[in-house]
Amino acid sequence: MASSTFTDEVGSIHQTINAVTGGLTMFGAIALLAAAFGIINTLYMSVRDRTREIGLMKAWGSAAARFLPHSALRPP
């Protein structure tokens, strides 16, 4: 059996901590990326629905001054 010095033991613990930190960092990056795609999808669908509603309002002959209050006061 090889004997380890205190410095070798500290180096081994340091490498283990670095490996765990790297794994958790990668996990966090993937979670942030997934959350960003969810937010982007929600915003895209909201804009698409409101664009459709504005198109219908224009087709029905609504004045342009009604679009902003309608969009600003409507809950998301």
N, C-alpha and C. Protein backbone atom coordinates (compact mmCIF):
# COMPACT_ATOMS: atom_id res chain seq x y z
N MET A 1 0.83 -1.18 0.00
CA MET A 1 0.00 0.00 0.00
C MET A 1 0.87 1.24 0.00
N ALA A 2 0.45 2.20 -0.81
CA ALA A 2 1.18 3.46 -0.86
C ALA A 2 0.62 4.39 0.20
N SER A 3 1.48 5.06 0.87
CA SER A 3 1.03 6.00 1.89
C SER A 3 0.84 7.37 1.25
N SER A 4 -0.21 8.06 1.67
CA SER A 4 -0.53 9.37 1.12
C SER A 4 -0.16 10.44 2.14
N THR A 5 0.31 11.51 1.63
CA THR A 5 0.60 12.63 2.51
C THR A 5 -0.65 13.48 2.65
N PHE A 6 -0.58 14.40 3.58
CA PHE A 6 -1.71 15.30 3.80
C PHE A 6 -1.99 16.12 2.55
N THR A 7 -0.95 16.54 1.86
CA THR A 7 -1.10 17.34 0.64
C THR A 7 -1.80 16.53 -0.46
N ASP A 8 -1.48 15.23 -0.57
CA ASP A 8 -2.16 14.38 -1.55
C ASP A 8 -3.65 14.25 -1.24
N GLU A 9 -3.98 14.10 0.04
CA GLU A 9 -5.38 13.99 0.44
C GLU A 9 -6.14 15.28 0.14
N VAL A 10 -5.54 16.41 0.44
CA VAL A 10 -6.18 17.70 0.17
C VAL A 10 -6.37 17.88 -1.33
N GLY A 11 -5.38 17.48 -2.14
CA GLY A 11 -5.51 17.57 -3.60
C GLY A 11 -6.62 16.69 -4.12
N SER A 12 -6.78 15.51 -3.55
CA SER A 12 -7.85 14.60 -3.97
C SER A 12 -9.22 15.19 -3.64
N ILE A 13 -9.36 15.76 -2.46
CA ILE A 13 -10.63 16.39 -2.08
C ILE A 13 -10.91 17.60 -2.97
N HIS A 14 -9.89 18.35 -3.30
CA HIS A 14 -10.05 19.52 -4.17
C HIS A 14 -10.52 19.09 -5.56
N GLN A 15 -9.97 18.01 -6.09
CA GLN A 15 -10.40 17.51 -7.40
C GLN A 15 -11.85 17.04 -7.37
N THR A 16 -12.24 16.39 -6.29
CA THR A 16 -13.63 15.93 -6.16
C THR A 16 -14.59 17.11 -6.11
N ILE A 17 -14.23 18.12 -5.34
CA ILE A 17 -15.09 19.32 -5.24
C ILE A 17 -15.19 20.01 -6.60
N ASN A 18 -14.09 20.10 -7.33
CA ASN A 18 -14.12 20.71 -8.66
C ASN A 18 -15.00 19.92 -9.62
N ALA A 19 -14.98 18.59 -9.53
CA ALA A 19 -15.81 17.76 -10.40
C ALA A 19 -17.29 17.97 -10.08
N VAL A 20 -17.64 18.01 -8.80
CA VAL A 20 -19.04 18.23 -8.41
C VAL A 20 -19.49 19.62 -8.83
N THR A 21 -18.65 20.62 -8.64
CA THR A 21 -18.98 21.98 -9.04
C THR A 21 -19.20 22.08 -10.55
N GLY A 22 -18.36 21.42 -11.33
CA GLY A 22 -18.53 21.41 -12.79
C GLY A 22 -19.83 20.75 -13.21
N GLY A 23 -20.17 19.64 -12.56
CA GLY A 23 -21.43 18.96 -12.88
C GLY A 23 -22.64 19.80 -12.56
N LEU A 24 -22.61 20.45 -11.40
CA LEU A 24 -23.74 21.31 -11.01
C LEU A 24 -23.84 22.54 -11.91
N THR A 25 -22.70 23.05 -12.36
CA THR A 25 -22.72 24.20 -13.27
C THR A 25 -23.36 23.80 -14.60
N MET A 26 -23.02 22.64 -15.11
CA MET A 26 -23.63 22.17 -16.37
C MET A 26 -25.13 21.96 -16.20
N PHE A 27 -25.54 21.37 -15.08
CA PHE A 27 -26.96 21.17 -14.81
C PHE A 27 -27.69 22.50 -14.75
N GLY A 28 -27.11 23.50 -14.09
CA GLY A 28 -27.72 24.82 -14.01
C GLY A 28 -27.84 25.49 -15.37
N ALA A 29 -26.81 25.33 -16.20
CA ALA A 29 -26.85 25.93 -17.54
C ALA A 29 -27.96 25.31 -18.38
N ILE A 30 -28.12 24.00 -18.29
CA ILE A 30 -29.18 23.33 -19.04
C ILE A 30 -30.55 23.76 -18.54
N ALA A 31 -30.70 23.92 -17.22
CA ALA A 31 -31.99 24.37 -16.66
C ALA A 31 -32.32 25.78 -17.11
N LEU A 32 -31.31 26.67 -17.13
CA LEU A 32 -31.55 28.04 -17.60
C LEU A 32 -31.93 28.07 -19.07
N LEU A 33 -31.29 27.23 -19.86
CA LEU A 33 -31.61 27.17 -21.29
C LEU A 33 -33.05 26.69 -21.50
N ALA A 34 -33.46 25.68 -20.76
CA ALA A 34 -34.83 25.18 -20.87
C ALA A 34 -35.84 26.24 -20.44
N ALA A 35 -35.54 26.97 -19.38
CA ALA A 35 -36.43 28.03 -18.93
C ALA A 35 -36.52 29.15 -19.95
N ALA A 36 -35.39 29.47 -20.58
CA ALA A 36 -35.40 30.53 -21.60
C ALA A 36 -36.28 30.13 -22.78
N PHE A 37 -36.21 28.88 -23.21
CA PHE A 37 -37.06 28.44 -24.30
C PHE A 37 -38.53 28.49 -23.92
N GLY A 38 -38.86 28.19 -22.68
CA GLY A 38 -40.24 28.27 -22.22
C GLY A 38 -40.75 29.70 -22.23
N ILE A 39 -39.93 30.64 -21.78
CA ILE A 39 -40.32 32.05 -21.78
C ILE A 39 -40.48 32.56 -23.20
N ILE A 40 -39.54 32.21 -24.08
CA ILE A 40 -39.62 32.66 -25.48
C ILE A 40 -40.87 32.12 -26.13
N ASN A 41 -41.20 30.86 -25.87
CA ASN A 41 -42.40 30.27 -26.46
C ASN A 41 -43.66 30.97 -25.97
N THR A 42 -43.72 31.29 -24.68
CA THR A 42 -44.88 31.97 -24.12
C THR A 42 -45.05 33.36 -24.74
N LEU A 43 -43.97 34.10 -24.86
CA LEU A 43 -44.04 35.43 -25.46
C LEU A 43 -44.44 35.35 -26.93
N TYR A 44 -43.90 34.39 -27.66
CA TYR A 44 -44.23 34.23 -29.07
C TYR A 44 -45.72 33.94 -29.26
N MET A 45 -46.25 33.05 -28.44
CA MET A 45 -47.68 32.71 -28.55
C MET A 45 -48.55 33.91 -28.20
N SER A 46 -48.13 34.71 -27.22
CA SER A 46 -48.89 35.89 -26.84
C SER A 46 -48.92 36.91 -27.98
N VAL A 47 -47.77 37.15 -28.59
CA VAL A 47 -47.70 38.10 -29.71
C VAL A 47 -48.53 37.58 -30.89
N ARG A 48 -48.45 36.29 -31.15
CA ARG A 48 -49.20 35.71 -32.27
C ARG A 48 -50.71 35.86 -32.05
N ASP A 49 -51.17 35.59 -30.83
CA ASP A 49 -52.60 35.73 -30.54
C ASP A 49 -53.05 37.18 -30.65
N ARG A 50 -52.25 38.09 -30.12
CA ARG A 50 -52.65 39.51 -30.17
C ARG A 50 -52.59 40.05 -31.58
N THR A 51 -51.66 39.56 -32.40
CA THR A 51 -51.61 39.97 -33.80
C THR A 51 -52.88 39.53 -34.52
N ARG A 52 -53.32 38.33 -34.21
CA ARG A 52 -54.56 37.83 -34.81
C ARG A 52 -55.76 38.66 -34.37
N GLU A 53 -55.79 39.03 -33.07
CA GLU A 53 -56.90 39.85 -32.57
C GLU A 53 -56.90 41.23 -33.21
N ILE A 54 -55.72 41.84 -33.38
CA ILE A 54 -55.64 43.16 -34.02
C ILE A 54 -56.09 43.06 -35.46
N GLY A 55 -55.72 41.98 -36.13
CA GLY A 55 -56.18 41.78 -37.51
C GLY A 55 -57.70 41.70 -37.59
N LEU A 56 -58.30 40.99 -36.65
CA LEU A 56 -59.77 40.91 -36.62
C LEU A 56 -60.40 42.26 -36.33
N MET A 57 -59.80 43.02 -35.41
CA MET A 57 -60.34 44.34 -35.11
C MET A 57 -60.25 45.25 -36.33
N LYS A 58 -59.16 45.17 -37.08
CA LYS A 58 -59.03 45.97 -38.30
C LYS A 58 -60.07 45.54 -39.33
N ALA A 59 -60.28 44.24 -39.44
CA ALA A 59 -61.25 43.74 -40.41
C ALA A 59 -62.66 44.20 -40.05
N TRP A 60 -62.95 44.34 -38.78
CA TRP A 60 -64.27 44.80 -38.36
C TRP A 60 -64.40 46.31 -38.42
N GLY A 61 -63.31 47.01 -38.74
CA GLY A 61 -63.38 48.45 -38.92
C GLY A 61 -63.10 49.26 -37.67
N SER A 62 -62.45 48.69 -36.69
CA SER A 62 -62.11 49.44 -35.47
C SER A 62 -61.08 50.51 -35.78
N ALA A 63 -61.12 51.59 -35.02
CA ALA A 63 -60.15 52.66 -35.18
C ALA A 63 -58.80 52.23 -34.61
N ALA A 64 -57.73 52.77 -35.18
CA ALA A 64 -56.38 52.41 -34.73
C ALA A 64 -56.13 52.83 -33.29
N ALA A 65 -56.83 53.83 -32.81
CA ALA A 65 -56.64 54.32 -31.44
C ALA A 65 -57.11 53.30 -30.40
N ARG A 66 -57.90 52.33 -30.80
CA ARG A 66 -58.40 51.33 -29.84
C ARG A 66 -57.43 50.19 -29.63
N PHE A 67 -56.44 50.02 -30.50
CA PHE A 67 -55.54 48.86 -30.40
C PHE A 67 -54.65 48.93 -29.16
N LEU A 68 -54.03 50.08 -28.92
CA LEU A 68 -53.12 50.20 -27.78
C LEU A 68 -53.82 50.01 -26.44
N PRO A 69 -54.93 50.70 -26.18
CA PRO A 69 -55.59 50.45 -24.89
C PRO A 69 -56.06 49.00 -24.73
N HIS A 70 -56.51 48.41 -25.82
CA HIS A 70 -56.97 47.02 -25.75
C HIS A 70 -55.81 46.10 -25.39
N SER A 71 -54.65 46.30 -25.99
CA SER A 71 -53.50 45.45 -25.73
C SER A 71 -52.86 45.76 -24.38
N ALA A 72 -52.84 47.03 -23.98
CA ALA A 72 -52.17 47.41 -22.74
C ALA A 72 -52.99 47.00 -21.51
N LEU A 73 -54.28 47.05 -21.60
CA LEU A 73 -55.13 46.75 -20.43
C LEU A 73 -55.48 45.29 -20.32
N ARG A 74 -55.26 44.52 -21.36
CA ARG A 74 -55.59 43.09 -21.34
C ARG A 74 -54.53 42.34 -20.53
N PRO A 75 -54.96 41.46 -19.62
CA PRO A 75 -53.97 40.68 -18.86
C PRO A 75 -53.26 39.69 -19.78
N PRO A 76 -52.03 39.34 -19.43
CA PRO A 76 -51.26 38.42 -20.30
C PRO A 76 -51.85 37.04 -20.37
